[in-house]
Each structure stands twice: as C-alpha cells, then as structure tokens.
Amino acid sequence: MRFMHEVLRGLPFCFVYLDDILCYSENAEEHRSHLRTIFQRLSSYGLKLNISKCVFGVTELIFLGHLITPDGMKPLSDKVQAVLDYKQPETVGSLRKFLGLLNFYRRFLPKAAEQQYLLSEFLKGSKGKKDSKPLNWSSEAITAFQRCKQALADAALLAHPSPSAPLALHVDASDYAIGGALHQVVDSELQTLAFFSRKLTSSEKSYSAYDRELLAIYSAIRHFRYMLEARDFTVFTDHKPLTYAFRQKSDKCSPRQIRQLDFISQFTTNIVHIPGSDNIAADVAVC
C-alpha cells in the first residue's frame, strides 16, 4: 500500500487502497486526461494493469463494498439483502456475526446506538464469534433485531465531501447514548456526510446533562477528526449552557471538562444553541 501511495503521490484525482485505484473526474475529457497521467505514472514504475479487472468511464461503480454514484455513496443492495435475510440468531456467536455485517455500514445508520443496545447486551462476557451460548430473546429484543434490519434497508445516501462547503456538526445526548451527524451546506441545503453514535458506559450514564452533552461534542469531533482537521465548522447543540463553555474560568471546570474542552478548542470554539425540536439530525443519531 505504501508503494502504491508513492507511485501515485501528488495526484489529487485518485484514491488508492492496497492495489485498488479509484480515479474521479468532473467530465469525460478530464477523465481521459487523468487516466493518461495515471497510466504514465504506473508505466514509469514498471507496473501493469489487469484489464479484465478494470472499469473505465462509468458514472457509478462498486468500490470497497459501497456503490459510488455522482450524488454520493450507499450500501450495496446484495449486502443489505444479506442482512434482511439473516435469521434470528440462536447463539451469541451468530448474533455477533450479524452485528458485524450490520456495522460494516454503521456510518449510514443514524439510530445504531439505540437500536443495537439490547442486542449488544447479549454480548457481555462473550467469547467471540464461536460462542455457542444460546440466546433468550425477549419481545423487546426481537423488535430491536427487526428494527436494525430495517435501518439498513432505509440507510441514507451519504454525500461526497466538498472541500469548500461549510460544515455543520449536530450533536446530542440521551440517558444512555451520544450521537452526532456531520453535514455540509450546499446551495443552502444540508447534505449528510456521516452519522456517529455510541452507547454510554456505566460511569458515563451518571454524568450530568452538561457533561453528557460535552462528551457528545468531544466524542463526535474525535470520530470525525479526519474530516474536520483544518476546516471551519460549527457545532450545534440543544444544550444552551455549552455555548458559554469557553467563556467560563478554568477553576470552575473539572479536570475531565478541561481536557475535553482543550481538545475541542483545537478544532473549533464555535458552539451554537439550537432548540431540541430543530436538532433533528443529532436526535436521530442518538434515538
């Protein structure tokens, strides 16, 4: 992989993963020019392509388990169908395999933390995928299993990131989970880039509302760090006290709050209050 990155270094119109090369262009003429450049670079290193494995000049294609289209990317239909057809697991190992299939597309799932909460409880003390411990399904757990399936079937299209588009990070926290939704603003409309959510640990559940909401911002920025570094963005929260977080004196903060605020400040200090009824994106991620 390092070798291929060295071969194609400095070419902003291609992406490399192991021996897979993705070339993207605005139009056919530009695409031909980009391909010539790539071919010349490969030739200079004595590398050859397997034509039977190549796809040229298409508007959409399958890459690394995703369908890439001009509007964005989405899960592959056959992978979605495999999840929909998955029978209700009878053992912990089978359930772990199901969650593995589902969470390959976790970035598309706005309700992952809540919907998988009861299922993940089954995994406590698990020995891995070969764990044959039988599961005792409650009606609530069965409902959660079906909702997890439907969530993937209803997965949102994720837009391609635009380097020049303003970014908005909506975050929220509940009693048992935190979540965030990263958007870009294009033509005055929000386009979803990805979702993030996770359940709270037993100690985090005892945090105050302020600390849980602060944790949501901290965790969401850590999760989306690779998309937020060197970018201007605004954090939206329905917890108004957080908008004053960077104005308070440090002696009023706990060591954990200071540590989290210090990390957040390396990326942004722009935290804006938005009424809970308007913070739909993050609520969806947490719910």
Foldseek 3Di string as FASTA:
>chain_A
DVVVCVLCPPLPQWDDDPHDIDGDDDDDVVQVVSVVVSVVSCVVVVHDDDVVPDDPDDQWDDDPQWIQHQFAIAGDPVLLVVLVPQDDDFALLSLVVSVVSLCVPVQQFLAVAPLCVVVVVRCVVPPYNPGGHTDDDDPSNVVSSNVSSVRNVVGDGAGDDDPPFEKEKEWAFDLWKIKIWIWTADPNDTGTHTIDMHTDDPVLSPDDRVVRRLVNLLVVCVVCVVVQPPHDYAYEYQDVVLLCLVVDDPVVDDPVSVVSVVVNVNRDSHYYYDHPVPSVSNVSNHD
